[in-house]
C-alpha cells in the first residue's frame, strides 16, 4: 500500500504522542514528590517547621 500526498509537514497523530509524554512526565513527577514527602527526613523537617510556626515566644 502506497500513501500518496502525505508530506513531512503533516503532523497528524502528534497530539496523541505529546499527551502520552506529558502524562508520563506528570506521573514521574508525582512519584518523585511522593517518595520525597513520604521519607522520614521530610516528616521530621515538616514537624519541626510546624512546631516553630505555632510556637509563641513569651
Protein backbone atom coordinates (compact mmCIF):
# COMPACT_ATOMS: atom_id res chain seq x y z
CA UNK A 1 0.00 0.00 0.00
CA UNK A 2 1.40 3.36 -1.04
CA UNK A 3 0.41 6.60 0.69
CA UNK A 4 0.13 9.40 -1.84
CA UNK A 5 0.09 13.11 -0.97
CA UNK A 6 1.49 12.83 2.53
CA UNK A 7 4.25 15.34 3.23
CA UNK A 8 6.74 15.84 6.04
CA UNK A 9 4.75 18.78 7.40
CA UNK A 10 1.75 16.54 8.03
CA UNK A 11 1.69 16.03 11.81
CA UNK A 12 -1.47 14.01 12.31
CA UNK A 13 -1.13 11.92 15.45
CA UNK A 14 1.41 14.19 17.12
CA UNK A 15 -1.06 15.35 19.74
CA UNK A 16 -1.52 11.78 20.96
CA UNK A 17 2.22 11.33 21.41
CA UNK A 18 2.51 14.69 23.15
CA UNK A 19 -0.29 13.78 25.56
CA UNK A 20 1.35 10.43 26.28
CA UNK A 21 4.72 12.03 27.03
CA UNK A 22 3.06 14.69 29.18
CA UNK A 23 1.16 12.03 31.12
CA UNK A 24 4.33 10.02 31.71
CA UNK A 25 6.18 13.14 32.86
CA UNK A 26 3.38 14.05 35.27
CA UNK A 27 3.31 10.51 36.68
CA UNK A 28 7.09 10.55 37.14
CA UNK A 29 6.93 13.92 38.91
CA UNK A 30 4.14 12.65 41.16
CA UNK A 31 6.16 9.57 42.06
CA UNK A 32 9.20 11.72 42.83
CA UNK A 33 7.19 14.07 45.06
CA UNK A 34 5.52 11.16 46.84
CA UNK A 35 8.85 9.48 47.53
CA UNK A 36 10.30 12.75 48.87
CA UNK A 37 7.35 13.56 51.13
CA UNK A 38 6.91 10.04 52.46
CA UNK A 39 10.55 9.88 53.56
CA UNK A 40 11.42 10.06 57.24
CA UNK A 41 13.63 13.13 56.92
CA UNK A 42 10.83 15.11 55.26
CA UNK A 43 8.38 14.24 58.01
CA UNK A 44 10.90 15.37 60.65
CA UNK A 45 11.50 18.59 58.71
CA UNK A 46 7.78 19.34 58.35
CA UNK A 47 7.16 18.61 62.04
CA UNK A 48 9.96 20.97 63.09
CA UNK A 49 8.66 23.65 60.73
CA UNK A 50 5.13 23.40 62.11
CA UNK A 51 6.33 23.45 65.71
CA UNK A 52 8.38 26.56 65.00
CA UNK A 53 5.47 28.23 63.23
CA UNK A 54 2.97 27.61 66.06
CA UNK A 55 5.30 28.29 68.98
CA UNK A 56 4.72 31.64 70.68
CA UNK A 57 7.70 33.20 72.44
CA UNK A 58 6.73 34.98 75.63
